[in-house]
């Protein structure tokens, strides 16, 4: 493992497997992420932020309520589209 505090100075740090496990555990991360091997989490598709929260809330509603929200959403979008044309 390398200890790099700046891009110019790097030194090798020799750790045993059990030491890596203990360090990862103490930091609350996996050994793979500690070594820079863990895959980055995939971003969910779709909107982010406030829109994501609203869509998540809508998806937990009963289907009939979801349909009402989607109908309103489509009406607003159609109006915006017509206004821009």
Protein backbone atom coordinates (compact mmCIF):
# COMPACT_ATOMS: atom_id res chain seq x y z
CA UNK A 1 0.00 0.00 0.00
CA UNK A 2 1.23 3.51 -0.70
CA UNK A 3 1.02 6.51 1.55
CA UNK A 4 0.80 9.51 -0.77
CA UNK A 5 0.39 12.87 0.89
CA UNK A 6 1.38 14.83 -2.18
CA UNK A 7 1.77 13.83 -5.79
CA UNK A 8 5.54 14.08 -5.46
CA UNK A 9 6.14 12.09 -2.28
CA UNK A 10 4.93 8.51 -2.03
CA UNK A 11 6.29 5.84 0.22
CA UNK A 12 5.41 2.18 0.45
CA UNK A 13 3.75 1.03 3.64
CA UNK A 14 3.95 -2.71 4.32
CA UNK A 15 0.82 -4.06 6.00
CA UNK A 16 -0.20 -7.66 6.58
CA UNK A 17 -3.62 -8.90 5.55
CA UNK A 18 -4.97 -8.95 9.11
CA UNK A 19 -3.75 -5.38 9.61
CA UNK A 20 -5.57 -4.28 6.44
CA UNK A 21 -8.75 -5.95 7.67
CA UNK A 22 -8.46 -4.26 11.06
CA UNK A 23 -7.78 -0.87 9.47
CA UNK A 24 -10.71 -1.22 7.07
CA UNK A 25 -12.96 -2.24 9.94
CA UNK A 26 -11.85 0.72 12.06
CA UNK A 27 -12.56 3.08 9.17
CA UNK A 28 -15.88 1.45 8.33
CA UNK A 29 -14.90 0.60 4.75
CA UNK A 30 -14.07 -2.56 2.83
CA UNK A 31 -10.49 -3.66 2.23
CA UNK A 32 -11.17 -3.30 -1.51
CA UNK A 33 -12.17 0.33 -1.12
CA UNK A 34 -9.22 0.92 1.18
CA UNK A 35 -6.92 -0.34 -1.57
CA UNK A 36 -8.79 1.58 -4.27
CA UNK A 37 -10.17 -1.58 -5.86
CA UNK A 38 -13.87 -1.17 -5.07
CA UNK A 39 -16.14 -0.30 -7.95
CA UNK A 40 -17.78 3.08 -7.69
CA UNK A 41 -21.48 2.83 -6.90
CA UNK A 42 -23.64 3.14 -9.98
CA UNK A 43 -25.84 6.18 -10.12
CA UNK A 44 -29.52 5.54 -10.35
CA UNK A 45 -31.06 6.70 -13.59
CA UNK A 46 -33.65 9.41 -13.66
CA UNK A 47 -33.96 12.71 -11.88
CA UNK A 48 -31.85 13.78 -8.93
CA UNK A 49 -32.59 15.81 -5.85
CA UNK A 50 -36.07 17.09 -5.22
CA UNK A 51 -37.59 15.48 -8.31
CA UNK A 52 -36.18 12.08 -7.28
CA UNK A 53 -37.70 12.43 -3.79
CA UNK A 54 -41.09 13.33 -5.24
CA UNK A 55 -41.04 10.44 -7.73
CA UNK A 56 -40.06 8.05 -4.92
CA UNK A 57 -43.02 9.29 -2.87
CA UNK A 58 -45.38 8.95 -5.83
CA UNK A 59 -44.20 5.40 -6.48
CA UNK A 60 -45.30 4.42 -2.96
CA UNK A 61 -48.87 5.64 -3.57
CA UNK A 62 -51.69 3.31 -4.68
CA UNK A 63 -51.90 2.90 -8.47
CA UNK A 64 -55.02 5.07 -8.78
CA UNK A 65 -53.30 7.93 -6.95
CA UNK A 66 -50.14 7.47 -9.06
CA UNK A 67 -52.28 7.78 -12.20
CA UNK A 68 -53.81 11.05 -10.96
CA UNK A 69 -50.35 12.51 -10.28
CA UNK A 70 -49.09 11.37 -13.69
CA UNK A 71 -52.13 12.86 -15.40
CA UNK A 72 -51.45 16.22 -13.72
CA UNK A 73 -47.77 15.98 -14.64
CA UNK A 74 -48.58 15.25 -18.28
CA UNK A 75 -51.04 18.18 -18.37
CA UNK A 76 -48.37 20.58 -17.08
CA UNK A 77 -45.79 19.28 -19.56
CA UNK A 78 -48.22 19.52 -22.47
CA UNK A 79 -49.02 23.11 -21.50
CA UNK A 80 -45.32 24.01 -21.32
CA UNK A 81 -44.70 22.35 -24.67
CA UNK A 82 -47.58 24.27 -26.28
CA UNK A 83 -46.42 27.53 -24.71
CA UNK A 84 -42.94 27.10 -26.14
CA UNK A 85 -44.20 26.32 -29.66
